[in-house]
Amino acid sequence: MSYRAAGPETLANNALSQPAAPAHPRKSEREQLDLFQALPGGMAPRDVQDLMAYPFFSLAKSKRLAPIDFSAGTITIRVEAVPEYGMATIWDADILIWAASQIVEARDAGLKTSRLMAATPYEILTFTGRGTSLRDYERLKAALDRLQSTTVATSIRQVTERRRHRFSWINEWKETADNSGRPLGIELILPDWFYAAVLDNALVLTIDQAYFSLTGGLERWLYRIVRKHGGRQAEGWQFDVTHLYAKSGSLSPLKRFAFELRDMVRRQPLPGYHLTIHRLHGGGELLGFAPVRTSFSARESSNQKAAPASKSHRGGSHQPVDNQ
């Protein structure tokens, strides 16, 4: 068999048929971000108002696979879970509260922040009021898995209601170790949607540290929505129970939901707020609340503005009623 050297024309054609190599290989998301190392010491917990006002998380500790579909006016939200992990829960959201608190604290101190964050499990667990045993560490990793695998599509903060921003609560996370394999901590990357909200001072509220002691999913959800809508309104606030039910994303029947609210009125578990139930003449109920004096409310009254109050009223009440 004979071989013939390729001529200039053949070489030129082959060159044209080969894809050009990129001048600079595309960097991964991690490579494009500066690493933000978690700040030491205690700090006030901060929460994002959008997460406080709308149904983004499962309120049950059991695995939830049913999606959340919520629509009100121009706001649409769909939250989906994968069978392997289930939907991120309201307890998992404590990690996002930790992240928001770190970013706000650093920004206010004039430090550079980033969506790529590094911390030790101990720092996250102690901030959120958890234990620090091996079991707690494993639960933290399970929470990170649920936050990464849960997907959200929402019109909140989009140019038009027809556009949806789709993301996961954590883009990626990993455990880090030194050269000898000794664990160093955890690194995670936050999504743009969440990070932008944290950097907007108007979209963040300080919450009571006692929030982390609330054991019930409905209690935690109600505290966040009460804190967001009422802030430190001296005259209090009221919610239509049926509307509250729609905003919760709960899988429980409305009758059970209303029963649990009445039980909370009996127990008064929310730090900083007193709950009441008002029965309407035409049927239905309103859940009312008013702030009570605590060390947290004393601090907040001097440096935190409440969320804007609705102008609507119902049933002759002189307290604002949430209808959004």
Protein backbone atom coordinates (compact mmCIF):
# COMPACT_ATOMS: atom_id res chain seq x y z
CA MET A 1 0.00 0.00 0.00
CA SER A 2 1.36 3.44 -0.91
CA TYR A 3 0.90 6.70 0.92
CA ARG A 4 0.90 10.18 -0.49
CA ALA A 5 1.63 13.29 1.47
CA ALA A 6 -1.26 15.71 1.77
CA GLY A 7 -0.94 18.82 -0.31
CA PRO A 8 -1.56 22.39 0.83
CA GLU A 9 -5.20 22.32 -0.40
CA THR A 10 -5.98 19.15 1.57
CA LEU A 11 -4.41 20.58 4.71
CA ALA A 12 -6.40 23.78 4.34
CA ASN A 13 -9.67 21.87 3.96
CA ASN A 14 -8.92 19.75 7.01
CA ALA A 15 -8.16 22.87 9.02
CA LEU A 16 -11.51 24.37 8.02
CA SER A 17 -13.37 21.21 9.05
CA GLN A 18 -11.85 21.17 12.56
CA PRO A 19 -13.61 23.27 15.25
CA ALA A 20 -11.43 26.07 16.47
CA ALA A 21 -10.14 25.65 19.99
CA PRO A 22 -11.35 28.41 22.31
CA ALA A 23 -8.75 31.07 22.97
CA HIS A 24 -9.51 30.88 26.69
CA PRO A 25 -11.27 27.85 28.23
CA ARG A 26 -14.56 28.86 29.84
CA LYS A 27 -14.29 29.14 33.61
CA SER A 28 -16.71 27.31 35.87
CA GLU A 29 -19.05 29.29 38.09
CA ARG A 30 -16.85 28.52 41.09
CA GLU A 31 -13.73 29.80 39.32
CA GLN A 32 -15.46 33.10 38.52
CA LEU A 33 -16.36 33.84 42.12
CA ASP A 34 -14.23 35.07 45.00
CA LEU A 35 -14.47 33.00 48.16
CA PHE A 36 -16.22 34.63 51.13
CA GLN A 37 -15.11 33.14 54.44
CA ALA A 38 -17.81 33.16 57.12
CA LEU A 39 -17.38 35.83 59.78
CA PRO A 40 -16.77 34.69 63.37
CA GLY A 41 -18.91 35.63 66.34
CA GLY A 42 -22.60 36.20 66.87
CA MET A 43 -24.76 38.42 64.69
CA ALA A 44 -28.43 39.26 64.29
CA PRO A 45 -30.34 36.76 62.11
CA ARG A 46 -31.71 38.26 58.89
CA ASP A 47 -34.38 36.90 56.58
CA VAL A 48 -35.43 37.80 53.03
CA GLN A 49 -38.93 39.25 52.84
CA ASP A 50 -39.90 37.36 49.69
CA LEU A 51 -39.15 34.07 51.46
CA MET A 52 -41.14 35.21 54.48
CA ALA A 53 -44.25 36.21 52.54
CA TYR A 54 -44.75 33.35 50.08
CA PRO A 55 -44.84 29.52 50.08
CA PHE A 56 -41.36 28.35 49.10
CA PHE A 57 -40.78 25.48 51.55
CA SER A 58 -42.39 22.33 52.88
CA LEU A 59 -43.80 22.80 56.38
CA ALA A 60 -43.51 19.10 57.23
CA LYS A 61 -40.48 17.09 58.32
CA SER A 62 -41.70 14.09 56.33
CA LYS A 63 -40.57 13.94 52.69
CA ARG A 64 -42.73 16.07 50.40
CA LEU A 65 -42.84 15.34 46.67
CA ALA A 66 -46.05 17.20 45.73
CA PRO A 67 -45.13 20.54 44.12
CA ILE A 68 -46.17 23.93 45.47
CA ASP A 69 -48.19 26.01 42.99
CA PHE A 70 -49.09 29.52 44.12
CA SER A 71 -50.60 32.42 42.19
CA ALA A 72 -51.82 35.80 43.44
CA GLY A 73 -52.10 38.78 41.12
CA THR A 74 -48.84 39.05 39.20
CA ILE A 75 -47.02 36.67 41.56
CA THR A 76 -46.54 33.06 40.49
CA ILE A 77 -44.46 30.42 42.26
CA ARG A 78 -43.84 26.76 41.49
CA VAL A 79 -41.58 24.66 43.72
CA GLU A 80 -40.62 21.14 42.68
CA ALA A 81 -38.81 18.32 44.47
CA VAL A 82 -36.96 15.20 43.35
CA PRO A 83 -37.89 11.79 44.77
CA GLU A 84 -34.41 11.08 46.12
CA TYR A 85 -34.35 14.02 48.55
CA GLY A 86 -37.80 15.57 48.72
CA MET A 87 -38.60 19.28 48.93
CA ALA A 88 -36.49 21.69 51.00
CA THR A 89 -38.19 22.31 54.34
CA ILE A 90 -38.66 25.43 56.42
CA TRP A 91 -35.99 24.02 58.77
CA ASP A 92 -33.57 23.73 55.83
CA ALA A 93 -34.21 27.43 55.17
CA ASP A 94 -32.28 28.20 58.36
CA ILE A 95 -29.13 27.76 56.25
CA LEU A 96 -30.34 30.57 53.98
CA ILE A 97 -31.03 32.75 57.04
CA TRP A 98 -27.44 32.09 58.16
CA ALA A 99 -26.14 33.01 54.70
CA ALA A 100 -28.20 36.21 54.53
CA SER A 101 -27.03 37.22 58.01
CA GLN A 102 -23.39 36.70 57.06
CA ILE A 103 -23.69 38.70 53.84
CA VAL A 104 -25.52 41.64 55.45
CA GLU A 105 -23.07 41.74 58.37
CA ALA A 106 -20.09 41.76 56.02
CA ARG A 107 -21.60 44.36 53.70
CA ASP A 108 -22.40 46.68 56.61
CA ALA A 109 -18.81 46.31 57.80
CA GLY A 110 -17.51 47.34 54.37
CA LEU A 111 -16.26 43.85 53.49
CA LYS A 112 -16.53 42.25 50.08
CA THR A 113 -19.18 39.55 49.82
CA SER A 114 -19.70 36.72 47.37
CA ARG A 115 -22.17 34.02 46.39
CA LEU A 116 -19.40 31.47 47.07
CA MET A 117 -19.31 31.00 50.84
CA ALA A 118 -17.13 28.88 53.12
CA ALA A 119 -17.88 27.91 56.71
CA THR A 120 -17.51 25.09 59.18
CA PRO A 121 -20.55 22.96 60.05
CA TYR A 122 -20.08 24.12 63.65
CA GLU A 123 -20.58 27.77 62.65
CA ILE A 124 -23.82 27.07 60.78
CA LEU A 125 -25.21 24.67 63.39
CA THR A 126 -24.56 26.92 66.38
CA PHE A 127 -25.95 30.00 64.62
CA THR A 128 -29.22 28.19 63.90
CA GLY A 129 -29.55 26.79 67.42
CA ARG A 130 -28.72 23.18 66.52
CA GLY A 131 -26.53 20.67 68.29
CA THR A 132 -23.05 19.85 67.04
CA SER A 133 -23.04 16.05 67.17
CA LEU A 134 -22.26 13.77 64.23
CA ARG A 135 -26.01 13.26 63.80
CA ASP A 136 -26.55 17.04 63.54
CA TYR A 137 -23.76 17.23 60.97
CA GLU A 138 -25.41 14.51 58.87
CA ARG A 139 -28.72 16.36 59.08
CA LEU A 140 -26.98 19.52 57.89
CA LYS A 141 -25.66 17.70 54.83
CA ALA A 142 -29.13 16.29 54.11
CA ALA A 143 -30.55 19.82 54.31
CA LEU A 144 -27.94 21.06 51.84
CA ASP A 145 -28.89 18.24 49.46
CA ARG A 146 -32.57 19.22 49.63
CA LEU A 147 -31.77 22.90 49.08
CA GLN A 148 -29.68 22.06 46.02
CA SER A 149 -32.16 19.61 44.49
CA THR A 150 -35.33 21.67 45.04
CA THR A 151 -36.13 23.89 42.04
CA VAL A 152 -38.09 27.13 42.10
CA ALA A 153 -39.69 29.07 39.25
CA THR A 154 -41.13 32.46 40.16
CA SER A 155 -42.19 35.78 38.64
CA ILE A 156 -41.11 37.69 41.77
CA ARG A 157 -38.74 40.54 40.88
CA GLN A 158 -39.01 39.84 37.15
CA VAL A 159 -39.56 42.54 34.52
CA THR A 160 -42.93 41.07 33.48
CA GLU A 161 -45.16 38.51 35.17
CA ARG A 162 -44.82 36.21 32.16
CA ARG A 163 -41.11 35.81 32.77
CA ARG A 164 -39.99 33.35 35.42
CA HIS A 165 -36.66 33.01 37.14
CA ARG A 166 -35.78 29.35 37.68
CA PHE A 167 -33.16 28.36 40.25
CA SER A 168 -32.27 26.09 43.17
CA TRP A 169 -31.66 27.44 46.66
CA ILE A 170 -28.03 26.31 46.41
CA ASN A 171 -26.29 26.00 43.05
CA GLU A 172 -23.74 23.54 44.41
CA TRP A 173 -22.01 22.61 47.65
CA LYS A 174 -19.08 20.46 48.71
CA GLU A 175 -17.13 19.35 51.75
CA THR A 176 -13.53 20.54 51.89
CA ALA A 177 -10.47 18.82 53.39
CA ASP A 178 -6.75 19.43 53.76
CA ASN A 179 -4.02 17.38 52.05
CA SER A 180 -4.19 14.73 54.75
CA GLY A 181 -7.95 14.34 54.36
CA ARG A 182 -8.86 16.15 57.57
CA PRO A 183 -12.27 17.91 57.12
CA LEU A 184 -12.03 21.69 56.91
CA GLY A 185 -15.61 22.75 56.29
CA ILE A 186 -18.25 23.36 53.65
CA GLU A 187 -18.37 25.55 50.57
CA LEU A 188 -21.61 26.50 48.85
CA ILE A 189 -22.76 28.76 46.02
CA LEU A 190 -25.93 30.81 46.38
CA PRO A 191 -28.20 31.59 43.38
CA ASP A 192 -28.32 35.10 41.89
CA TRP A 193 -32.02 35.54 42.75
CA PHE A 194 -31.44 35.03 46.47
CA TYR A 195 -28.13 36.92 46.61
CA ALA A 196 -29.62 40.00 44.90
CA ALA A 197 -32.44 40.09 47.46
CA VAL A 198 -29.99 39.91 50.37
CA LEU A 199 -27.95 42.82 49.01
CA ASP A 200 -31.12 44.96 48.71
CA ASN A 201 -31.54 46.42 52.19
CA ALA A 202 -35.25 47.02 51.58
CA LEU A 203 -35.83 43.28 51.11
CA VAL A 204 -34.21 42.06 54.35
CA LEU A 205 -35.61 42.02 57.90
CA THR A 206 -34.01 41.14 61.21
CA ILE A 207 -35.80 38.31 63.00
CA ASP A 208 -35.84 37.21 66.63
CA GLN A 209 -33.16 34.69 67.60
CA ALA A 210 -35.92 32.77 69.37
CA TYR A 211 -37.30 31.86 65.94
CA PHE A 212 -34.82 28.97 65.78
CA SER A 213 -36.42 27.48 68.90
CA LEU A 214 -39.81 27.11 67.22
CA THR A 215 -40.32 23.39 66.63
CA GLY A 216 -43.43 23.33 64.43
CA GLY A 217 -43.30 24.01 60.71
CA LEU A 218 -46.54 26.01 60.81
CA GLU A 219 -45.27 28.04 63.77
CA ARG A 220 -42.10 28.94 61.90
CA TRP A 221 -44.00 29.85 58.75
CA LEU A 222 -46.52 31.98 60.67
CA TYR A 223 -43.78 33.86 62.54
CA ARG A 224 -42.08 34.77 59.27
CA ILE A 225 -45.25 35.95 57.59
CA VAL A 226 -46.32 37.91 60.69
CA ARG A 227 -42.88 39.51 60.99
CA LYS A 228 -42.86 40.43 57.32
CA HIS A 229 -46.36 41.88 57.04
CA GLY A 230 -46.75 43.43 60.46
CA GLY A 231 -43.25 44.33 61.52
CA ARG A 232 -43.74 46.40 64.64
CA GLN A 233 -47.23 47.73 63.80
CA ALA A 234 -48.45 48.95 67.20
CA GLU A 235 -52.11 48.45 66.25
CA GLY A 236 -51.56 44.91 65.07
CA TRP A 237 -52.62 43.13 61.90
CA GLN A 238 -55.18 40.61 60.72
CA PHE A 239 -55.18 37.79 58.19
CA ASP A 240 -58.14 36.03 56.62
CA VAL A 241 -57.61 32.37 57.60
CA THR A 242 -58.64 31.06 54.18
CA HIS A 243 -56.16 33.40 52.49
CA LEU A 244 -53.46 32.41 54.97
CA TYR A 245 -54.08 28.78 54.07
CA ALA A 246 -53.49 29.51 50.38
CA LYS A 247 -50.26 31.37 51.19
CA SER A 248 -48.90 28.53 53.33
CA GLY A 249 -48.62 25.89 50.62
CA SER A 250 -49.66 23.38 53.28
CA LEU A 251 -50.87 19.92 52.27
CA SER A 252 -53.16 19.72 55.32
CA PRO A 253 -56.91 20.26 54.74
CA LEU A 254 -58.19 23.77 55.53
CA LYS A 255 -60.11 22.44 58.53
CA ARG A 256 -56.92 21.01 60.05
CA PHE A 257 -54.98 24.17 59.21
CA ALA A 258 -57.57 26.34 61.01
CA PHE A 259 -57.52 23.99 64.01
CA GLU A 260 -53.73 24.32 64.30
CA LEU A 261 -53.99 28.12 64.13
CA ARG A 262 -56.53 28.11 66.97
CA ASP A 263 -54.19 25.87 68.97
CA MET A 264 -51.39 28.40 68.45
CA VAL A 265 -53.69 31.14 69.73
CA ARG A 266 -54.13 29.02 72.85
CA ARG A 267 -50.39 28.33 73.28
CA GLN A 268 -49.01 31.73 72.11
CA PRO A 269 -45.67 30.34 70.79
CA LEU A 270 -44.57 33.23 68.54
CA PRO A 271 -41.80 35.38 70.05
CA GLY A 272 -42.77 39.04 70.11
CA TYR A 273 -46.42 38.64 69.06
CA HIS A 274 -49.78 37.93 70.70
CA LEU A 275 -52.28 36.01 68.54
CA THR A 276 -56.08 36.23 68.53
CA ILE A 277 -58.93 34.67 66.55
CA HIS A 278 -61.88 36.76 65.37
CA ARG A 279 -65.02 35.06 64.07
CA LEU A 280 -66.89 36.93 61.33
CA HIS A 281 -70.69 37.29 61.31
CA GLY A 282 -70.98 35.85 57.81
CA GLY A 283 -68.74 32.90 58.60
CA GLY A 284 -64.99 32.54 58.41
CA GLU A 285 -62.26 33.68 60.76
CA LEU A 286 -59.54 36.30 61.00
CA LEU A 287 -56.23 35.59 62.71
CA GLY A 288 -55.08 38.73 64.48
CA PHE A 289 -51.84 39.60 66.17
CA ALA A 290 -50.22 42.51 67.96
CA PRO A 291 -46.59 42.97 69.01
CA VAL A 292 -45.61 42.49 72.62
CA ARG A 293 -42.67 44.17 74.27
CA THR A 294 -39.48 42.08 74.18
CA SER A 295 -35.77 42.91 74.12
CA PHE A 296 -35.87 42.19 70.38
CA SER A 297 -38.82 44.51 69.71
CA ALA A 298 -37.17 47.27 71.74
CA ARG A 299 -34.11 47.11 69.51
CA GLU A 300 -36.12 46.89 66.32
CA SER A 301 -38.41 49.80 67.10
CA SER A 302 -35.42 52.11 67.01
CA ASN A 303 -33.66 50.87 63.88
CA GLN A 304 -35.99 48.77 61.71
CA LYS A 305 -38.83 49.99 59.53
CA ALA A 306 -41.90 47.80 59.25
CA ALA A 307 -43.19 46.48 55.94
CA PRO A 308 -45.82 48.77 54.33
CA ALA A 309 -49.33 48.26 55.71
CA SER A 310 -52.34 47.47 53.55
CA LYS A 311 -55.09 50.09 53.43
CA SER A 312 -57.92 47.54 53.27
CA HIS A 313 -60.19 46.75 56.23
CA ARG A 314 -62.78 44.09 56.84
CA GLY A 315 -65.78 43.58 59.12
CA GLY A 316 -65.44 47.02 60.71
CA SER A 317 -62.03 46.19 62.14
CA HIS A 318 -59.56 49.02 62.60
CA GLN A 319 -56.61 46.74 62.01
CA PRO A 320 -55.08 46.15 58.56
CA VAL A 321 -56.15 42.94 56.83
CA ASP A 322 -53.74 41.16 54.52
CA ASN A 323 -55.20 40.42 51.10
CA GLN A 324 -52.02 40.01 49.07
